[in-house]
Amino acid sequence: MIEYAVVYLKVQHIILCGHTSCGGVAAALDNKKLGKIDTWLMPLRKVRMDHAKTLEGLQGAEKARKMVDLNVQAGVEVLKSNPDVIEAMKERGLTVQGLVYDLAQGELVPVEHEDQTEEHRHGAFVIA
């Protein structure tokens, strides 16, 4: 999917979009064994473990929101490590941006990333 969008469609901007009130985030924070979806939750649980110190002082909705942001940041890092994405970023300025859709507000909120570049809205490929 990424290869097709980047190499063949030549998208100019990739958006990775998370959302608030995420059941996966709640399950990863709860850290209970859930059966078949445990495999799906492993990346979220890794984010939780990698950022345990950041999350430990937070509670409830604030903790869940931070976890959503951290998960989007992790996803952006994964995308930026894809060879096709790296090449397109170097050769034609492809950008990758993380957003969170705030369900309560009906808004898309940018998730800051240390090397985030100017937003390009045209030619975007959305992974949600």
N, C-alpha and C. Protein backbone atom coordinates (compact mmCIF):
# COMPACT_ATOMS: atom_id res chain seq x y z
N MET A 1 0.83 -1.18 0.00
CA MET A 1 0.00 0.00 0.00
C MET A 1 0.88 1.25 0.00
N ILE A 2 1.89 1.28 0.87
CA ILE A 2 2.79 2.44 0.93
C ILE A 2 3.57 2.55 -0.38
N GLU A 3 4.11 1.43 -0.84
CA GLU A 3 4.88 1.43 -2.08
C GLU A 3 4.03 1.96 -3.24
N TYR A 4 2.80 1.48 -3.36
CA TYR A 4 1.94 1.91 -4.46
C TYR A 4 1.68 3.41 -4.40
N ALA A 5 1.36 3.91 -3.21
CA ALA A 5 1.07 5.33 -3.06
C ALA A 5 2.29 6.20 -3.34
N VAL A 6 3.43 5.79 -2.82
CA VAL A 6 4.63 6.61 -2.92
C VAL A 6 5.31 6.47 -4.28
N VAL A 7 5.50 5.24 -4.72
CA VAL A 7 6.26 4.99 -5.95
C VAL A 7 5.42 5.23 -7.20
N TYR A 8 4.19 4.74 -7.21
CA TYR A 8 3.40 4.79 -8.44
C TYR A 8 2.45 5.98 -8.51
N LEU A 9 1.79 6.29 -7.41
CA LEU A 9 0.90 7.45 -7.41
C LEU A 9 1.66 8.75 -7.17
N LYS A 10 2.86 8.64 -6.63
CA LYS A 10 3.73 9.79 -6.35
C LYS A 10 3.04 10.83 -5.47
N VAL A 11 2.41 10.34 -4.38
CA VAL A 11 1.78 11.27 -3.45
C VAL A 11 2.83 12.24 -2.92
N GLN A 12 2.38 13.41 -2.54
CA GLN A 12 3.29 14.44 -2.03
C GLN A 12 3.30 14.50 -0.50
N HIS A 13 2.28 13.91 0.11
CA HIS A 13 2.13 14.03 1.55
C HIS A 13 1.43 12.79 2.09
N ILE A 14 1.99 12.17 3.12
CA ILE A 14 1.34 11.05 3.80
C ILE A 14 0.87 11.54 5.16
N ILE A 15 -0.37 11.25 5.48
CA ILE A 15 -0.94 11.60 6.78
C ILE A 15 -1.26 10.31 7.52
N LEU A 16 -0.71 10.16 8.71
CA LEU A 16 -1.06 9.06 9.58
C LEU A 16 -1.99 9.65 10.64
N CYS A 17 -3.20 9.13 10.74
CA CYS A 17 -4.21 9.74 11.60
C CYS A 17 -4.67 8.78 12.68
N GLY A 18 -4.50 9.18 13.93
CA GLY A 18 -5.05 8.46 15.06
C GLY A 18 -6.34 9.14 15.48
N HIS A 19 -6.96 8.67 16.56
CA HIS A 19 -8.19 9.31 17.03
C HIS A 19 -8.33 9.17 18.54
N THR A 20 -9.03 10.11 19.13
CA THR A 20 -9.31 10.07 20.55
C THR A 20 -10.35 8.99 20.83
N SER A 21 -10.53 8.67 22.09
CA SER A 21 -11.48 7.63 22.53
C SER A 21 -11.19 6.30 21.84
N CYS A 22 -9.92 5.99 21.69
CA CYS A 22 -9.50 4.78 20.99
C CYS A 22 -9.55 3.58 21.93
N GLY A 23 -10.32 2.58 21.55
CA GLY A 23 -10.44 1.36 22.34
C GLY A 23 -9.14 0.60 22.43
N GLY A 24 -8.34 0.62 21.37
CA GLY A 24 -7.04 -0.03 21.39
C GLY A 24 -6.11 0.59 22.40
N VAL A 25 -6.10 1.92 22.46
CA VAL A 25 -5.27 2.63 23.43
C VAL A 25 -5.73 2.30 24.85
N ALA A 26 -7.04 2.31 25.08
CA ALA A 26 -7.57 1.96 26.40
C ALA A 26 -7.15 0.55 26.80
N ALA A 27 -7.23 -0.39 25.86
CA ALA A 27 -6.84 -1.77 26.15
C ALA A 27 -5.35 -1.88 26.42
N ALA A 28 -4.54 -1.16 25.66
CA ALA A 28 -3.09 -1.20 25.87
C ALA A 28 -2.71 -0.59 27.22
N LEU A 29 -3.40 0.46 27.61
CA LEU A 29 -3.12 1.07 28.92
C LEU A 29 -3.57 0.17 30.05
N ASP A 30 -4.66 -0.56 29.86
CA ASP A 30 -5.18 -1.48 30.88
C ASP A 30 -4.28 -2.70 31.02
N ASN A 31 -3.65 -3.11 29.92
CA ASN A 31 -2.66 -4.19 29.90
C ASN A 31 -3.19 -5.54 30.37
N LYS A 32 -4.43 -5.83 30.07
CA LYS A 32 -4.98 -7.14 30.38
C LYS A 32 -4.89 -8.03 29.15
N LYS A 33 -4.79 -9.34 29.37
CA LYS A 33 -4.80 -10.30 28.28
C LYS A 33 -6.22 -10.34 27.70
N LEU A 34 -6.32 -10.16 26.39
CA LEU A 34 -7.64 -10.07 25.75
C LEU A 34 -7.88 -11.14 24.69
N GLY A 35 -6.91 -11.97 24.44
CA GLY A 35 -7.10 -13.03 23.45
C GLY A 35 -6.57 -12.66 22.09
N LYS A 36 -7.39 -12.87 21.07
CA LYS A 36 -6.94 -12.72 19.69
C LYS A 36 -6.47 -11.31 19.34
N ILE A 37 -6.97 -10.30 20.01
CA ILE A 37 -6.54 -8.94 19.66
C ILE A 37 -5.23 -8.54 20.33
N ASP A 38 -4.69 -9.40 21.19
CA ASP A 38 -3.42 -9.07 21.85
C ASP A 38 -2.30 -8.82 20.84
N THR A 39 -2.27 -9.58 19.75
CA THR A 39 -1.25 -9.37 18.72
C THR A 39 -1.40 -7.98 18.10
N TRP A 40 -2.62 -7.57 17.84
CA TRP A 40 -2.89 -6.25 17.28
C TRP A 40 -2.47 -5.14 18.25
N LEU A 41 -2.57 -5.41 19.55
CA LEU A 41 -2.24 -4.40 20.57
C LEU A 41 -0.75 -4.29 20.86
N MET A 42 0.06 -5.22 20.38
CA MET A 42 1.49 -5.21 20.72
C MET A 42 2.19 -3.90 20.36
N PRO A 43 1.97 -3.31 19.20
CA PRO A 43 2.64 -2.03 18.94
C PRO A 43 2.23 -0.94 19.95
N LEU A 44 0.95 -0.92 20.32
CA LEU A 44 0.49 0.06 21.32
C LEU A 44 1.12 -0.22 22.68
N ARG A 45 1.22 -1.48 23.04
CA ARG A 45 1.85 -1.84 24.32
C ARG A 45 3.33 -1.48 24.33
N LYS A 46 3.98 -1.61 23.19
CA LYS A 46 5.39 -1.20 23.09
C LYS A 46 5.51 0.30 23.28
N VAL A 47 4.62 1.07 22.68
CA VAL A 47 4.63 2.53 22.87
C VAL A 47 4.45 2.84 24.36
N ARG A 48 3.51 2.15 25.01
CA ARG A 48 3.27 2.36 26.44
C ARG A 48 4.54 2.07 27.24
N MET A 49 5.20 0.97 26.95
CA MET A 49 6.42 0.60 27.68
C MET A 49 7.55 1.58 27.40
N ASP A 50 7.71 1.98 26.14
CA ASP A 50 8.79 2.90 25.77
C ASP A 50 8.62 4.28 26.40
N HIS A 51 7.39 4.64 26.76
CA HIS A 51 7.12 5.98 27.30
C HIS A 51 6.51 5.90 28.70
N ALA A 52 6.86 4.86 29.43
CA ALA A 52 6.29 4.65 30.77
C ALA A 52 6.49 5.85 31.68
N LYS A 53 7.66 6.45 31.65
CA LYS A 53 7.94 7.61 32.52
C LYS A 53 7.07 8.80 32.16
N THR A 54 6.88 9.02 30.89
CA THR A 54 6.04 10.14 30.43
C THR A 54 4.59 9.92 30.85
N LEU A 55 4.13 8.69 30.77
CA LEU A 55 2.73 8.37 31.05
C LEU A 55 2.42 8.21 32.53
N GLU A 56 3.41 7.91 33.36
CA GLU A 56 3.14 7.56 34.76
C GLU A 56 2.50 8.68 35.57
N GLY A 57 2.74 9.92 35.25
CA GLY A 57 2.16 11.03 36.00
C GLY A 57 0.79 11.46 35.50
N LEU A 58 0.30 10.81 34.46
CA LEU A 58 -0.97 11.21 33.86
C LEU A 58 -2.07 10.23 34.25
N GLN A 59 -3.31 10.71 34.21
CA GLN A 59 -4.46 9.90 34.56
C GLN A 59 -5.57 10.04 33.52
N GLY A 60 -6.41 9.04 33.43
CA GLY A 60 -7.65 9.09 32.65
C GLY A 60 -7.49 9.56 31.22
N ALA A 61 -8.32 10.53 30.85
CA ALA A 61 -8.37 11.02 29.47
C ALA A 61 -7.06 11.65 29.04
N GLU A 62 -6.39 12.32 29.97
CA GLU A 62 -5.11 12.95 29.63
C GLU A 62 -4.06 11.88 29.26
N LYS A 63 -4.04 10.80 30.01
CA LYS A 63 -3.12 9.70 29.74
C LYS A 63 -3.45 9.04 28.40
N ALA A 64 -4.73 8.80 28.16
CA ALA A 64 -5.15 8.18 26.91
C ALA A 64 -4.79 9.07 25.72
N ARG A 65 -5.01 10.37 25.85
CA ARG A 65 -4.70 11.30 24.75
C ARG A 65 -3.20 11.32 24.47
N LYS A 66 -2.40 11.33 25.53
CA LYS A 66 -0.95 11.32 25.35
C LYS A 66 -0.53 10.04 24.64
N MET A 67 -1.16 8.94 25.01
CA MET A 67 -0.85 7.66 24.39
C MET A 67 -1.20 7.68 22.90
N VAL A 68 -2.32 8.28 22.55
CA VAL A 68 -2.71 8.42 21.14
C VAL A 68 -1.64 9.21 20.40
N ASP A 69 -1.22 10.34 20.97
CA ASP A 69 -0.18 11.16 20.33
C ASP A 69 1.12 10.38 20.15
N LEU A 70 1.53 9.67 21.20
CA LEU A 70 2.77 8.90 21.14
C LEU A 70 2.68 7.79 20.09
N ASN A 71 1.51 7.18 19.97
CA ASN A 71 1.33 6.13 18.97
C ASN A 71 1.41 6.70 17.56
N VAL A 72 0.82 7.86 17.35
CA VAL A 72 0.91 8.51 16.03
C VAL A 72 2.37 8.85 15.73
N GLN A 73 3.08 9.40 16.71
CA GLN A 73 4.50 9.71 16.50
C GLN A 73 5.29 8.46 16.13
N ALA A 74 5.01 7.35 16.81
CA ALA A 74 5.70 6.09 16.51
C ALA A 74 5.39 5.63 15.09
N GLY A 75 4.14 5.78 14.67
CA GLY A 75 3.75 5.40 13.32
C GLY A 75 4.43 6.25 12.26
N VAL A 76 4.56 7.54 12.55
CA VAL A 76 5.27 8.44 11.63
C VAL A 76 6.72 8.00 11.50
N GLU A 77 7.34 7.64 12.61
CA GLU A 77 8.73 7.16 12.57
C GLU A 77 8.85 5.90 11.72
N VAL A 78 7.89 4.99 11.86
CA VAL A 78 7.91 3.76 11.06
C VAL A 78 7.80 4.11 9.57
N LEU A 79 6.88 4.99 9.23
CA LEU A 79 6.74 5.39 7.83
C LEU A 79 8.02 6.02 7.30
N LYS A 80 8.64 6.86 8.12
CA LYS A 80 9.85 7.55 7.68
C LYS A 80 11.06 6.62 7.60
N SER A 81 10.92 5.40 8.06
CA SER A 81 12.01 4.43 7.93
C SER A 81 11.80 3.50 6.73
N ASN A 82 10.68 3.66 6.03
CA ASN A 82 10.38 2.86 4.85
C ASN A 82 11.29 3.33 3.70
N PRO A 83 12.00 2.41 3.04
CA PRO A 83 12.92 2.81 1.97
C PRO A 83 12.29 3.65 0.86
N ASP A 84 11.07 3.31 0.45
CA ASP A 84 10.40 4.09 -0.60
C ASP A 84 10.09 5.51 -0.12
N VAL A 85 9.69 5.63 1.14
CA VAL A 85 9.39 6.95 1.71
C VAL A 85 10.67 7.76 1.83
N ILE A 86 11.73 7.15 2.32
CA ILE A 86 13.02 7.85 2.45
C ILE A 86 13.46 8.40 1.10
N GLU A 87 13.41 7.55 0.09
CA GLU A 87 13.83 7.97 -1.25
C GLU A 87 12.96 9.12 -1.77
N ALA A 88 11.65 9.02 -1.60
CA ALA A 88 10.75 10.07 -2.08
C ALA A 88 10.94 11.37 -1.30
N MET A 89 11.24 11.27 -0.02
CA MET A 89 11.51 12.48 0.77
C MET A 89 12.74 13.19 0.24
N LYS A 90 13.77 12.42 -0.08
CA LYS A 90 15.02 13.01 -0.59
C LYS A 90 14.86 13.53 -2.02
N GLU A 91 14.21 12.74 -2.87
CA GLU A 91 14.15 13.08 -4.29
C GLU A 91 13.11 14.12 -4.66
N ARG A 92 11.95 14.09 -3.98
CA ARG A 92 10.89 15.01 -4.41
C ARG A 92 10.16 15.70 -3.27
N GLY A 93 10.72 15.63 -2.07
CA GLY A 93 10.15 16.39 -0.97
C GLY A 93 8.89 15.83 -0.35
N LEU A 94 8.66 14.52 -0.49
CA LEU A 94 7.52 13.91 0.18
C LEU A 94 7.55 14.26 1.67
N THR A 95 6.39 14.58 2.23
CA THR A 95 6.32 14.86 3.67
C THR A 95 5.40 13.84 4.32
N VAL A 96 5.66 13.60 5.59
CA VAL A 96 4.87 12.68 6.40
C VAL A 96 4.44 13.44 7.64
N GLN A 97 3.14 13.40 7.95
CA GLN A 97 2.62 14.14 9.08
C GLN A 97 1.68 13.27 9.89
N GLY A 98 1.72 13.44 11.21
CA GLY A 98 0.79 12.77 12.10
C GLY A 98 -0.30 13.71 12.55
N LEU A 99 -1.53 13.21 12.56
CA LEU A 99 -2.68 13.97 13.04
C LEU A 99 -3.49 13.10 13.99
N VAL A 100 -4.24 13.75 14.86
CA VAL A 100 -5.20 13.05 15.71
C VAL A 100 -6.56 13.67 15.45
N TYR A 101 -7.54 12.80 15.18
CA TYR A 101 -8.91 13.27 15.02
C TYR A 101 -9.55 13.27 16.40
N ASP A 102 -9.89 14.46 16.89
CA ASP A 102 -10.55 14.62 18.18
C ASP A 102 -12.04 14.43 17.96
N LEU A 103 -12.55 13.28 18.39
CA LEU A 103 -13.95 12.94 18.15
C LEU A 103 -14.91 13.93 18.80
N ALA A 104 -14.60 14.38 20.01
CA ALA A 104 -15.49 15.29 20.73
C ALA A 104 -15.57 16.66 20.06
N GLN A 105 -14.46 17.13 19.52
CA GLN A 105 -14.41 18.45 18.90
C GLN A 105 -14.64 18.42 17.39
N GLY A 106 -14.52 17.24 16.80
CA GLY A 106 -14.65 17.14 15.35
C GLY A 106 -13.52 17.84 14.62
N GLU A 107 -12.32 17.79 15.20
CA GLU A 107 -11.17 18.51 14.64
C GLU A 107 -10.00 17.56 14.42
N LEU A 108 -9.21 17.88 13.40
CA LEU A 108 -7.93 17.23 13.19
C LEU A 108 -6.85 18.08 13.84
N VAL A 109 -6.07 17.47 14.72
CA VAL A 109 -5.04 18.19 15.46
C VAL A 109 -3.68 17.63 15.07
N PRO A 110 -2.75 18.48 14.61
CA PRO A 110 -1.41 18.00 14.26
C PRO A 110 -0.69 17.45 15.49
N VAL A 111 0.05 16.38 15.28
CA VAL A 111 0.91 15.83 16.32
C VAL A 111 2.31 16.25 15.95
N GLU A 112 2.91 17.04 16.80
CA GLU A 112 4.25 17.56 16.51
C GLU A 112 5.26 16.43 16.48
N HIS A 113 6.15 16.52 15.53
CA HIS A 113 7.24 15.57 15.39
C HIS A 113 8.48 16.40 15.19
N GLU A 114 9.59 16.00 15.76
CA GLU A 114 10.78 16.84 15.80
C GLU A 114 11.27 17.32 14.44
N ASP A 115 11.09 16.52 13.40
CA ASP A 115 11.56 16.96 12.08
C ASP A 115 10.41 17.26 11.13
N GLN A 116 9.27 17.64 11.69
CA GLN A 116 8.08 17.92 10.88
C GLN A 116 8.35 19.11 9.95
N THR A 117 7.92 18.98 8.72
CA THR A 117 8.12 20.04 7.74
C THR A 117 6.79 20.71 7.43
N GLU A 118 6.85 21.71 6.57
CA GLU A 118 5.65 22.45 6.16
C GLU A 118 4.57 21.50 5.65
N GLU A 119 3.33 21.77 6.02
CA GLU A 119 2.22 20.92 5.61
C GLU A 119 1.93 21.09 4.12
N HIS A 120 1.66 19.95 3.49
CA HIS A 120 1.21 19.95 2.10
C HIS A 120 -0.09 19.17 2.06
N ARG A 121 -1.16 19.81 1.69
CA ARG A 121 -2.48 19.19 1.72
C ARG A 121 -2.82 18.46 0.43
N HIS A 122 -2.15 18.75 -0.67
CA HIS A 122 -2.52 18.16 -1.95
C HIS A 122 -1.73 16.88 -2.19
N GLY A 123 -2.35 15.92 -2.79
CA GLY A 123 -1.67 14.66 -3.10
C GLY A 123 -1.45 13.81 -1.86
N ALA A 124 -2.26 13.95 -0.83
CA ALA A 124 -2.06 13.22 0.41
C ALA A 124 -2.59 11.80 0.31
N PHE A 125 -1.96 10.92 1.03
CA PHE A 125 -2.38 9.53 1.16
C PHE A 125 -2.61 9.30 2.63
N VAL A 126 -3.82 8.96 3.03
CA VAL A 126 -4.17 8.86 4.44
C VAL A 126 -4.20 7.40 4.87
N ILE A 127 -3.53 7.13 6.00
CA ILE A 127 -3.55 5.80 6.62
C ILE A 127 -4.25 5.98 7.96
N ALA A 128 -5.37 5.35 8.14
CA ALA A 128 -6.10 5.51 9.41
C ALA A 128 -6.43 4.16 10.00
